Amino acid sequence: MRLTVGSYTYAIQQTMDFAKWLLDIGEGKVGGLNDGEVIIDIPQDLLINDPCDPIGSLIDFLYPSTLEDPNNPRYFQERAILAPKNEVVGKINDRLLSLFPEDIKS
């Protein structure tokens, strides 16, 4: 719900629709009969289409202005990448941190 604070009506509706879609997936209401394995159609705008560098594509999409003002904590507080495993989180963090100059990291 915090994603809707200060947003436009259209953006709020999009967020609510996405949240409902996620809940429907979790409740088994998407993809037909679920016997432990089911195919779910994911909207095209949610897909990462770069098979060579999916993490780079994700970072470019979510953090397009990373180095413009790296000392602005709000920029990072307003964005998040969720990952299913800590191993993936580590790869994303390492990749994102590699974009910053050394003096900013320390």
PDB file of N, CA and C in Angstrom:
ATOM      1  N   MET A   1       0.815  -1.197   0.000  1.00  0.00           N
ATOM      2  CA  MET A   1       0.000   0.000   0.000  1.00  0.00           C
ATOM      3  C   MET A   1       0.858   1.261   0.000  1.00  0.00           C
ATOM      4  N   ARG A   2       2.087   1.186   0.541  1.00  0.00           N
ATOM      5  CA  ARG A   2       2.910   2.391   0.580  1.00  0.00           C
ATOM      6  C   ARG A   2       3.293   2.860  -0.819  1.00  0.00           C
ATOM      7  N   LEU A   3       3.189   1.987  -1.817  1.00  0.00           N
ATOM      8  CA  LEU A   3       3.508   2.390  -3.181  1.00  0.00           C
ATOM      9  C   LEU A   3       2.503   3.385  -3.730  1.00  0.00           C
ATOM     10  N   THR A   4       1.338   3.485  -3.126  1.00  0.00           N
ATOM     11  CA  THR A   4       0.301   4.378  -3.638  1.00  0.00           C
ATOM     12  C   THR A   4       0.386   5.785  -3.058  1.00  0.00           C
ATOM     13  N   VAL A   5       1.156   5.999  -2.011  1.00  0.00           N
ATOM     14  CA  VAL A   5       1.245   7.315  -1.386  1.00  0.00           C
ATOM     15  C   VAL A   5       1.837   8.317  -2.360  1.00  0.00           C
ATOM     16  N   GLY A   6       1.117   9.390  -2.607  1.00  0.00           N
ATOM     17  CA  GLY A   6       1.584  10.450  -3.495  1.00  0.00           C
ATOM     18  C   GLY A   6       1.542  10.096  -4.963  1.00  0.00           C
ATOM     19  N   SER A   7       0.886   9.021  -5.324  1.00  0.00           N
ATOM     20  CA  SER A   7       0.831   8.600  -6.720  1.00  0.00           C
ATOM     21  C   SER A   7      -0.420   9.145  -7.404  1.00  0.00           C
ATOM     22  N   TYR A   8      -0.375   9.142  -8.725  1.00  0.00           N
ATOM     23  CA  TYR A   8      -1.537   9.527  -9.506  1.00  0.00           C
ATOM     24  C   TYR A   8      -2.561   8.394  -9.488  1.00  0.00           C
ATOM     25  N   THR A   9      -3.813   8.732  -9.741  1.00  0.00           N
ATOM     26  CA  THR A   9      -4.892   7.751  -9.712  1.00  0.00           C
ATOM     27  C   THR A   9      -4.610   6.565 -10.619  1.00  0.00           C
ATOM     28  N   TYR A  10      -4.115   6.819 -11.834  1.00  0.00           N
ATOM     29  CA  TYR A  10      -3.819   5.736 -12.765  1.00  0.00           C
ATOM     30  C   TYR A  10      -2.742   4.813 -12.205  1.00  0.00           C
ATOM     31  N   ALA A  11      -1.695   5.394 -11.608  1.00  0.00           N
ATOM     32  CA  ALA A  11      -0.612   4.598 -11.035  1.00  0.00           C
ATOM     33  C   ALA A  11      -1.114   3.782  -9.845  1.00  0.00           C
ATOM     34  N   ILE A  12      -2.002   4.366  -9.064  1.00  0.00           N
ATOM     35  CA  ILE A  12      -2.571   3.646  -7.927  1.00  0.00           C
ATOM     36  C   ILE A  12      -3.363   2.444  -8.424  1.00  0.00           C
ATOM     37  N   GLN A  13      -4.157   2.643  -9.471  1.00  0.00           N
ATOM     38  CA  GLN A  13      -4.950   1.536 -10.013  1.00  0.00           C
ATOM     39  C   GLN A  13      -4.043   0.441 -10.565  1.00  0.00           C
ATOM     40  N   GLN A  14      -2.978   0.832 -11.238  1.00  0.00           N
ATOM     41  CA  GLN A  14      -2.017  -0.150 -11.757  1.00  0.00           C
ATOM     42  C   GLN A  14      -1.402  -0.956 -10.619  1.00  0.00           C
ATOM     43  N   THR A  15      -1.023  -0.288  -9.554  1.00  0.00           N
ATOM     44  CA  THR A  15      -0.430  -0.951  -8.396  1.00  0.00           C
ATOM     45  C   THR A  15      -1.429  -1.904  -7.755  1.00  0.00           C
ATOM     46  N   MET A  16      -2.668  -1.461  -7.633  1.00  0.00           N
ATOM     47  CA  MET A  16      -3.706  -2.310  -7.041  1.00  0.00           C
ATOM     48  C   MET A  16      -3.968  -3.538  -7.919  1.00  0.00           C
ATOM     49  N   ASP A  17      -4.004  -3.343  -9.232  1.00  0.00           N
ATOM     50  CA  ASP A  17      -4.208  -4.469 -10.152  1.00  0.00           C
ATOM     51  C   ASP A  17      -3.061  -5.471 -10.046  1.00  0.00           C
ATOM     52  N   PHE A  18      -1.835  -4.964  -9.961  1.00  0.00           N
ATOM     53  CA  PHE A  18      -0.669  -5.832  -9.834  1.00  0.00           C
ATOM     54  C   PHE A  18      -0.713  -6.604  -8.517  1.00  0.00           C
ATOM     55  N   ALA A  19      -1.062  -5.912  -7.427  1.00  0.00           N
ATOM     56  CA  ALA A  19      -1.157  -6.569  -6.121  1.00  0.00           C
ATOM     57  C   ALA A  19      -2.220  -7.666  -6.148  1.00  0.00           C
ATOM     58  N   LYS A  20      -3.344  -7.397  -6.785  1.00  0.00           N
ATOM     59  CA  LYS A  20      -4.404  -8.410  -6.883  1.00  0.00           C
ATOM     60  C   LYS A  20      -3.914  -9.603  -7.695  1.00  0.00           C
ATOM     61  N   TRP A  21      -3.206  -9.344  -8.802  1.00  0.00           N
ATOM     62  CA  TRP A  21      -2.662 -10.415  -9.632  1.00  0.00           C
ATOM     63  C   TRP A  21      -1.715 -11.296  -8.822  1.00  0.00           C
ATOM     64  N   LEU A  22      -0.834 -10.666  -8.026  1.00  0.00           N
ATOM     65  CA  LEU A  22       0.091 -11.433  -7.183  1.00  0.00           C
ATOM     66  C   LEU A  22      -0.663 -12.270  -6.157  1.00  0.00           C
ATOM     67  N   LEU A  23      -1.664 -11.684  -5.534  1.00  0.00           N
ATOM     68  CA  LEU A  23      -2.456 -12.436  -4.557  1.00  0.00           C
ATOM     69  C   LEU A  23      -3.185 -13.599  -5.216  1.00  0.00           C
ATOM     70  N   ASP A  24      -3.726 -13.359  -6.402  1.00  0.00           N
ATOM     71  CA  ASP A  24      -4.414 -14.422  -7.129  1.00  0.00           C
ATOM     72  C   ASP A  24      -3.467 -15.574  -7.461  1.00  0.00           C
ATOM     73  N   ILE A  25      -2.236 -15.259  -7.822  1.00  0.00           N
ATOM     74  CA  ILE A  25      -1.239 -16.303  -8.074  1.00  0.00           C
ATOM     75  C   ILE A  25      -1.013 -17.100  -6.792  1.00  0.00           C
ATOM     76  N   GLY A  26      -0.807 -16.394  -5.696  1.00  0.00           N
ATOM     77  CA  GLY A  26      -0.559 -17.052  -4.420  1.00  0.00           C
ATOM     78  C   GLY A  26      -1.711 -17.920  -3.954  1.00  0.00           C
ATOM     79  N   GLU A  27      -2.916 -17.531  -4.314  1.00  0.00           N
ATOM     80  CA  GLU A  27      -4.100 -18.284  -3.903  1.00  0.00           C
ATOM     81  C   GLU A  27      -4.500 -19.343  -4.929  1.00  0.00           C
ATOM     82  N   GLY A  28      -3.700 -19.495  -5.991  1.00  0.00           N
ATOM     83  CA  GLY A  28      -3.975 -20.521  -6.988  1.00  0.00           C
ATOM     84  C   GLY A  28      -5.132 -20.199  -7.917  1.00  0.00           C
ATOM     85  N   LYS A  29      -5.464 -18.933  -8.069  1.00  0.00           N
ATOM     86  CA  LYS A  29      -6.589 -18.524  -8.913  1.00  0.00           C
ATOM     87  C   LYS A  29      -6.174 -18.187 -10.345  1.00  0.00           C
ATOM     88  N   VAL A  30      -4.882 -18.275 -10.651  1.00  0.00           N
ATOM     89  CA  VAL A  30      -4.370 -17.921 -11.976  1.00  0.00           C
ATOM     90  C   VAL A  30      -3.737 -19.157 -12.599  1.00  0.00           C
ATOM     91  N   GLY A  31      -3.966 -19.377 -13.866  1.00  0.00           N
ATOM     92  CA  GLY A  31      -3.301 -20.463 -14.576  1.00  0.00           C
ATOM     93  C   GLY A  31      -4.071 -21.760 -14.645  1.00  0.00           C
ATOM     94  N   GLY A  32      -5.308 -21.771 -14.245  1.00  0.00           N
ATOM     95  CA  GLY A  32      -6.108 -22.982 -14.342  1.00  0.00           C
ATOM     96  C   GLY A  32      -5.874 -23.930 -13.189  1.00  0.00           C
ATOM     97  N   LEU A  33      -6.250 -25.178 -13.389  1.00  0.00           N
ATOM     98  CA  LEU A  33      -6.130 -26.212 -12.363  1.00  0.00           C
ATOM     99  C   LEU A  33      -4.676 -26.353 -11.927  1.00  0.00           C
ATOM    100  N   ASN A  34      -4.460 -26.288 -10.628  1.00  0.00           N
ATOM    101  CA  ASN A  34      -3.106 -26.330 -10.091  1.00  0.00           C
ATOM    102  C   ASN A  34      -2.922 -27.612  -9.300  1.00  0.00           C
ATOM    103  N   ASP A  35      -2.164 -28.532  -9.874  1.00  0.00           N
ATOM    104  CA  ASP A  35      -1.861 -29.789  -9.181  1.00  0.00           C
ATOM    105  C   ASP A  35      -0.417 -29.793  -8.681  1.00  0.00           C
ATOM    106  N   GLY A  36       0.100 -28.618  -8.390  1.00  0.00           N
ATOM    107  CA  GLY A  36       1.480 -28.479  -7.942  1.00  0.00           C
ATOM    108  C   GLY A  36       2.382 -27.910  -9.011  1.00  0.00           C
ATOM    109  N   GLU A  37       1.891 -27.911 -10.234  1.00  0.00           N
ATOM    110  CA  GLU A  37       2.634 -27.342 -11.349  1.00  0.00           C
ATOM    111  C   GLU A  37       1.619 -26.701 -12.290  1.00  0.00           C
ATOM    112  N   VAL A  38       1.859 -25.429 -12.607  1.00  0.00           N
ATOM    113  CA  VAL A  38       0.918 -24.709 -13.455  1.00  0.00           C
ATOM    114  C   VAL A  38       1.665 -23.676 -14.286  1.00  0.00           C
ATOM    115  N   ILE A  39       1.153 -23.375 -15.447  1.00  0.00           N
ATOM    116  CA  ILE A  39       1.745 -22.346 -16.306  1.00  0.00           C
ATOM    117  C   ILE A  39       0.975 -21.051 -16.088  1.00  0.00           C
ATOM    118  N   ILE A  40       1.723 -19.992 -15.803  1.00  0.00           N
ATOM    119  CA  ILE A  40       1.125 -18.677 -15.572  1.00  0.00           C
ATOM    120  C   ILE A  40       1.651 -17.726 -16.623  1.00  0.00           C
ATOM    121  N   ASP A  41       0.745 -17.046 -17.300  1.00  0.00           N
ATOM    122  CA  ASP A  41       1.145 -16.031 -18.274  1.00  0.00           C
ATOM    123  C   ASP A  41       1.552 -14.767 -17.529  1.00  0.00           C
ATOM    124  N   ILE A  42       2.777 -14.346 -17.765  1.00  0.00           N
ATOM    125  CA  ILE A  42       3.289 -13.127 -17.139  1.00  0.00           C
ATOM    126  C   ILE A  42       3.196 -12.004 -18.158  1.00  0.00           C
ATOM    127  N   PRO A  43       2.625 -10.848 -17.749  1.00  0.00           N
ATOM    128  CA  PRO A  43       2.511  -9.725 -18.687  1.00  0.00           C
ATOM    129  C   PRO A  43       3.863  -9.346 -19.285  1.00  0.00           C
ATOM    130  N   GLN A  44       3.869  -9.015 -20.542  1.00  0.00           N
ATOM    131  CA  GLN A  44       5.092  -8.703 -21.287  1.00  0.00           C
ATOM    132  C   GLN A  44       5.915  -7.606 -20.617  1.00  0.00           C
ATOM    133  N   ASP A  45       5.249  -6.593 -20.032  1.00  0.00           N
ATOM    134  CA  ASP A  45       5.984  -5.481 -19.430  1.00  0.00           C
ATOM    135  C   ASP A  45       6.698  -5.876 -18.133  1.00  0.00           C
ATOM    136  N   LEU A  46       6.470  -7.084 -17.634  1.00  0.00           N
ATOM    137  CA  LEU A  46       7.147  -7.550 -16.428  1.00  0.00           C
ATOM    138  C   LEU A  46       8.319  -8.476 -16.730  1.00  0.00           C
ATOM    139  N   LEU A  47       8.485  -8.836 -17.976  1.00  0.00           N
ATOM    140  CA  LEU A  47       9.520  -9.787 -18.359  1.00  0.00           C
ATOM    141  C   LEU A  47      10.869  -9.111 -18.595  1.00  0.00           C
ATOM    142  N   ILE A  48      11.933  -9.815 -18.262  1.00  0.00           N
ATOM    143  CA  ILE A  48      13.285  -9.389 -18.592  1.00  0.00           C
ATOM    144  C   ILE A  48      13.633 -10.111 -19.879  1.00  0.00           C
ATOM    145  N   ASN A  49      13.833  -9.364 -20.935  1.00  0.00           N
ATOM    146  CA  ASN A  49      14.012  -9.962 -22.254  1.00  0.00           C
ATOM    147  C   ASN A  49      15.458 -10.061 -22.719  1.00  0.00           C
ATOM    148  N   ASP A  50      16.406  -9.800 -21.842  1.00  0.00           N
ATOM    149  CA  ASP A  50      17.818  -9.876 -22.219  1.00  0.00           C
ATOM    150  C   ASP A  50      18.425 -11.156 -21.647  1.00  0.00           C
ATOM    151  N   PRO A  51      18.530 -12.214 -22.456  1.00  0.00           N
ATOM    152  CA  PRO A  51      19.056 -13.480 -21.936  1.00  0.00           C
ATOM    153  C   PRO A  51      20.550 -13.423 -21.623  1.00  0.00           C
ATOM    154  N   CYS A  52      21.263 -12.459 -22.189  1.00  0.00           N
ATOM    155  CA  CYS A  52      22.712 -12.365 -21.971  1.00  0.00           C
ATOM    156  C   CYS A  52      23.064 -11.671 -20.652  1.00  0.00           C
ATOM    157  N   ASP A  53      22.252 -10.694 -20.255  1.00  0.00           N
ATOM    158  CA  ASP A  53      22.556  -9.929 -19.044  1.00  0.00           C
ATOM    159  C   ASP A  53      21.262  -9.544 -18.325  1.00  0.00           C
ATOM    160  N   PRO A  54      20.538 -10.512 -17.766  1.00  0.00           N
ATOM    161  CA  PRO A  54      19.270 -10.194 -17.125  1.00  0.00           C
ATOM    162  C   PRO A  54      19.428  -9.301 -15.894  1.00  0.00           C
ATOM    163  N   ILE A  55      20.500  -9.490 -15.118  1.00  0.00           N
ATOM    164  CA  ILE A  55      20.698  -8.658 -13.932  1.00  0.00           C
ATOM    165  C   ILE A  55      20.986  -7.222 -14.340  1.00  0.00           C
ATOM    166  N   GLY A  56      21.818  -7.030 -15.364  1.00  0.00           N
ATOM    167  CA  GLY A  56      22.097  -5.683 -15.859  1.00  0.00           C
ATOM    168  C   GLY A  56      20.842  -5.004 -16.370  1.00  0.00           C
ATOM    169  N   SER A  57      20.002  -5.743 -17.067  1.00  0.00           N
ATOM    170  CA  SER A  57      18.744  -5.185 -17.577  1.00  0.00           C
ATOM    171  C   SER A  57      17.835  -4.760 -16.442  1.00  0.00           C
ATOM    172  N   LEU A  58      17.771  -5.579 -15.411  1.00  0.00           N
ATOM    173  CA  LEU A  58      16.938  -5.268 -14.255  1.00  0.00           C
ATOM    174  C   LEU A  58      17.442  -4.018 -13.543  1.00  0.00           C
ATOM    175  N   ILE A  59      18.739  -3.936 -13.347  1.00  0.00           N
ATOM    176  CA  ILE A  59      19.325  -2.761 -12.700  1.00  0.00           C
ATOM    177  C   ILE A  59      19.105  -1.516 -13.555  1.00  0.00           C
ATOM    178  N   ASP A  60      19.321  -1.613 -14.855  1.00  0.00           N
ATOM    179  CA  ASP A  60      19.106  -0.465 -15.743  1.00  0.00           C
ATOM    180  C   ASP A  60      17.656   0.010 -15.706  1.00  0.00           C
ATOM    181  N   PHE A  61      16.725  -0.940 -15.611  1.00  0.00           N
ATOM    182  CA  PHE A  61      15.307  -0.590 -15.581  1.00  0.00           C
ATOM    183  C   PHE A  61      14.924   0.071 -14.260  1.00  0.00           C
ATOM    184  N   LEU A  62      15.361  -0.512 -13.158  1.00  0.00           N
ATOM    185  CA  LEU A  62      14.921  -0.042 -11.850  1.00  0.00           C
ATOM    186  C   LEU A  62      15.746   1.122 -11.313  1.00  0.00           C
ATOM    187  N   TYR A  63      17.008   1.187 -11.682  1.00  0.00           N
ATOM    188  CA  TYR A  63      17.902   2.237 -11.195  1.00  0.00           C
ATOM    189  C   TYR A  63      18.546   2.981 -12.368  1.00  0.00           C
ATOM    190  N   PRO A  64      17.764   3.621 -13.232  1.00  0.00           N
ATOM    191  CA  PRO A  64      18.342   4.250 -14.422  1.00  0.00           C
ATOM    192  C   PRO A  64      19.252   5.444 -14.119  1.00  0.00           C
ATOM    193  N   SER A  65      19.068   6.086 -12.986  1.00  0.00           N
ATOM    194  CA  SER A  65      19.853   7.281 -12.654  1.00  0.00           C
ATOM    195  C   SER A  65      20.732   7.052 -11.442  1.00  0.00           C
ATOM    196  N   THR A  66      21.231   5.854 -11.287  1.00  0.00           N
ATOM    197  CA  THR A  66      21.978   5.461 -10.091  1.00  0.00           C
ATOM    198  C   THR A  66      23.116   6.409  -9.764  1.00  0.00           C
ATOM    199  N   LEU A  67      23.907   6.781 -10.740  1.00  0.00           N
ATOM    200  CA  LEU A  67      25.111   7.566 -10.458  1.00  0.00           C
ATOM    201  C   LEU A  67      24.900   9.075 -10.531  1.00  0.00           C
ATOM    202  N   GLU A  68      23.692   9.517 -10.864  1.00  0.00           N
ATOM    203  CA  GLU A  68      23.451  10.962 -10.933  1.00  0.00           C
ATOM    204  C   GLU A  68      23.523  11.606  -9.555  1.00  0.00           C
ATOM    205  N   ASP A  69      22.968  10.951  -8.551  1.00  0.00           N
ATOM    206  CA  ASP A  69      23.013  11.461  -7.184  1.00  0.00           C
ATOM    207  C   ASP A  69      23.092  10.278  -6.226  1.00  0.00           C
ATOM    208  N   PRO A  70      24.257   9.628  -6.151  1.00  0.00           N
ATOM    209  CA  PRO A  70      24.380   8.402  -5.350  1.00  0.00           C
ATOM    210  C   PRO A  70      24.253   8.613  -3.844  1.00  0.00           C
ATOM    211  N   ASN A  71      24.298   9.850  -3.388  1.00  0.00           N
ATOM    212  CA  ASN A  71      24.179  10.130  -1.956  1.00  0.00           C
ATOM    213  C   ASN A  71      22.750  10.447  -1.536  1.00  0.00           C
ATOM    214  N   ASN A  72      21.808  10.293  -2.460  1.00  0.00           N
ATOM    215  CA  ASN A  72      20.403  10.557  -2.157  1.00  0.00           C
ATOM    216  C   ASN A  72      19.736   9.255  -1.703  1.00  0.00           C
ATOM    217  N   PRO A  73      19.527   9.075  -0.391  1.00  0.00           N
ATOM    218  CA  PRO A  73      18.952   7.820   0.091  1.00  0.00           C
ATOM    219  C   PRO A  73      17.524   7.581  -0.388  1.00  0.00           C
ATOM    220  N   ARG A  74      16.761   8.630  -0.658  1.00  0.00           N
ATOM    221  CA  ARG A  74      15.370   8.453  -1.111  1.00  0.00           C
ATOM    222  C   ARG A  74      15.308   7.697  -2.435  1.00  0.00           C
ATOM    223  N   TYR A  75      16.301   7.920  -3.284  1.00  0.00           N
ATOM    224  CA  TYR A  75      16.316   7.238  -4.581  1.00  0.00           C
ATOM    225  C   TYR A  75      16.286   5.723  -4.388  1.00  0.00           C
ATOM    226  N   PHE A  76      17.051   5.244  -3.426  1.00  0.00           N
ATOM    227  CA  PHE A  76      17.119   3.806  -3.181  1.00  0.00           C
ATOM    228  C   PHE A  76      15.975   3.321  -2.289  1.00  0.00           C
ATOM    229  N   GLN A  77      15.469   4.185  -1.433  1.00  0.00           N
ATOM    230  CA  GLN A  77      14.342   3.814  -0.581  1.00  0.00           C
ATOM    231  C   GLN A  77      13.063   3.614  -1.386  1.00  0.00           C
ATOM    232  N   GLU A  78      12.970   4.255  -2.533  1.00  0.00           N
ATOM    233  CA  GLU A  78      11.759   4.179  -3.350  1.00  0.00           C
ATOM    234  C   GLU A  78      11.787   3.015  -4.336  1.00  0.00           C
ATOM    235  N   ARG A  79      12.846   2.197  -4.319  1.00  0.00           N
ATOM    236  CA  ARG A  79      12.984   1.107  -5.277  1.00  0.00           C
ATOM    237  C   ARG A  79      13.443  -0.149  -4.553  1.00  0.00           C
ATOM    238  N   ALA A  80      13.054  -1.286  -5.084  1.00  0.00           N
ATOM    239  CA  ALA A  80      13.503  -2.556  -4.501  1.00  0.00           C
ATOM    240  C   ALA A  80      13.453  -3.649  -5.550  1.00  0.00           C
ATOM    241  N   ILE A  81      14.410  -4.533  -5.474  1.00  0.00           N
ATOM    242  CA  ILE A  81      14.413  -5.728  -6.311  1.00  0.00           C
ATOM    243  C   ILE A  81      14.210  -6.913  -5.372  1.00  0.00           C
ATOM    244  N   LEU A  82      13.171  -7.675  -5.618  1.00  0.00           N
ATOM    245  CA  LEU A  82      12.918  -8.872  -4.828  1.00  0.00           C
ATOM    246  C   LEU A  82      13.480 -10.070  -5.574  1.00  0.00           C
ATOM    247  N   ALA A  83      14.094 -10.962  -4.844  1.00  0.00           N
ATOM    248  CA  ALA A  83      14.686 -12.150  -5.459  1.00  0.00           C
ATOM    249  C   ALA A  83      14.330 -13.375  -4.630  1.00  0.00           C
ATOM    250  N   PRO A  84      14.218 -14.525  -5.282  1.00  0.00           N
ATOM    251  CA  PRO A  84      13.798 -15.729  -4.569  1.00  0.00           C
ATOM    252  C   PRO A  84      14.876 -16.361  -3.694  1.00  0.00           C
ATOM    253  N   LYS A  85      16.150 -16.083  -3.974  1.00  0.00           N
ATOM    254  CA  LYS A  85      17.233 -16.721  -3.223  1.00  0.00           C
ATOM    255  C   LYS A  85      18.292 -15.689  -2.842  1.00  0.00           C
ATOM    256  N   ASN A  86      18.919 -15.921  -1.701  1.00  0.00           N
ATOM    257  CA  ASN A  86      19.992 -15.018  -1.256  1.00  0.00           C
ATOM    258  C   ASN A  86      21.141 -14.984  -2.245  1.00  0.00           C
ATOM    259  N   GLU A  87      21.380 -16.072  -2.939  1.00  0.00           N
ATOM    260  CA  GLU A  87      22.443 -16.125  -3.945  1.00  0.00           C
ATOM    261  C   GLU A  87      22.193 -15.082  -5.038  1.00  0.00           C
ATOM    262  N   VAL A  88      20.949 -14.970  -5.461  1.00  0.00           N
ATOM    263  CA  VAL A  88      20.585 -13.983  -6.485  1.00  0.00           C
ATOM    264  C   VAL A  88      20.697 -12.576  -5.919  1.00  0.00           C
ATOM    265  N   VAL A  89      20.267 -12.390  -4.680  1.00  0.00           N
ATOM    266  CA  VAL A  89      20.381 -11.083  -4.021  1.00  0.00           C
ATOM    267  C   VAL A  89      21.853 -10.652  -3.995  1.00  0.00           C
ATOM    268  N   GLY A  90      22.742 -11.581  -3.660  1.00  0.00           N
ATOM    269  CA  GLY A  90      24.173 -11.276  -3.632  1.00  0.00           C
ATOM    270  C   GLY A  90      24.698 -10.841  -4.986  1.00  0.00           C
ATOM    271  N   LYS A  91      24.273 -11.525  -6.042  1.00  0.00           N
ATOM    272  CA  LYS A  91      24.718 -11.158  -7.395  1.00  0.00           C
ATOM    273  C   LYS A  91      24.222  -9.770  -7.781  1.00  0.00           C
ATOM    274  N   ILE A  92      22.975  -9.486  -7.451  1.00  0.00           N
ATOM    275  CA  ILE A  92      22.411  -8.167  -7.776  1.00  0.00           C
ATOM    276  C   ILE A  92      23.137  -7.084  -6.988  1.00  0.00           C
ATOM    277  N   ASN A  93      23.334  -7.307  -5.688  1.00  0.00           N
ATOM    278  CA  ASN A  93      24.034  -6.321  -4.861  1.00  0.00           C
ATOM    279  C   ASN A  93      25.455  -6.076  -5.353  1.00  0.00           C
ATOM    280  N   ASP A  94      26.171  -7.157  -5.660  1.00  0.00           N
ATOM    281  CA  ASP A  94      27.542  -7.008  -6.155  1.00  0.00           C
ATOM    282  C   ASP A  94      27.574  -6.204  -7.446  1.00  0.00           C
ATOM    283  N   ARG A  95      26.663  -6.507  -8.335  1.00  0.00           N
ATOM    284  CA  ARG A  95      26.618  -5.819  -9.634  1.00  0.00           C
ATOM    285  C   ARG A  95      26.294  -4.342  -9.457  1.00  0.00           C
ATOM    286  N   LEU A  96      25.318  -4.035  -8.604  1.00  0.00           N
ATOM    287  CA  LEU A  96      24.934  -2.648  -8.371  1.00  0.00           C
ATOM    288  C   LEU A  96      26.069  -1.884  -7.700  1.00  0.00           C
ATOM    289  N   LEU A  97      26.697  -2.485  -6.701  1.00  0.00           N
ATOM    290  CA  LEU A  97      27.805  -1.821  -6.017  1.00  0.00           C
ATOM    291  C   LEU A  97      28.995  -1.583  -6.938  1.00  0.00           C
ATOM    292  N   SER A  98      29.174  -2.449  -7.932  1.00  0.00           N
ATOM    293  CA  SER A  98      30.301  -2.271  -8.858  1.00  0.00           C
ATOM    294  C   SER A  98      30.147  -1.017  -9.712  1.00  0.00           C
ATOM    295  N   LEU A  99      28.948  -0.461  -9.775  1.00  0.00           N
ATOM    296  CA  LEU A  99      28.711   0.752 -10.559  1.00  0.00           C
ATOM    297  C   LEU A  99      29.217   2.007  -9.873  1.00  0.00           C
ATOM    298  N   PHE A 100      29.389   1.938  -8.536  1.00  0.00           N
ATOM    299  CA  PHE A 100      29.768   3.115  -7.778  1.00  0.00           C
ATOM    300  C   PHE A 100      31.277   3.269  -7.716  1.00  0.00           C
ATOM    301  N   PRO A 101      31.758   4.516  -7.745  1.00  0.00           N
ATOM    302  CA  PRO A 101      33.190   4.757  -7.555  1.00  0.00           C
ATOM    303  C   PRO A 101      33.593   4.328  -6.136  1.00  0.00           C
ATOM    304  N   GLU A 102      34.850   3.990  -5.958  1.00  0.00           N
ATOM    305  CA  GLU A 102      35.339   3.492  -4.659  1.00  0.00           C
ATOM    306  C   GLU A 102      35.085   4.471  -3.516  1.00  0.00           C
ATOM    307  N   ASP A 103      35.249   5.778  -3.741  1.00  0.00           N
ATOM    308  CA  ASP A 103      35.104   6.746  -2.645  1.00  0.00           C
ATOM    309  C   ASP A 103      33.664   6.806  -2.133  1.00  0.00           C
ATOM    310  N   ILE A 104      32.702   6.452  -2.929  1.00  0.00           N
ATOM    311  CA  ILE A 104      31.308   6.465  -2.484  1.00  0.00           C
ATOM    312  C   ILE A 104      31.007   5.219  -1.672  1.00  0.00           C
ATOM    313  N   LYS A 105      31.599   4.089  -2.015  1.00  0.00           N
ATOM    314  CA  LYS A 105      31.327   2.829  -1.319  1.00  0.00           C
ATOM    315  C   LYS A 105      31.868   2.799   0.087  1.00  0.00           C
ATOM    316  N   SER A 106      32.949   3.540   0.357  1.00  0.00           N
ATOM    317  CA  SER A 106      33.569   3.441   1.677  1.00  0.00           C
ATOM    318  C   SER A 106      33.032   4.441   2.660  1.00  0.00           C
TER     319      SER A 106
END
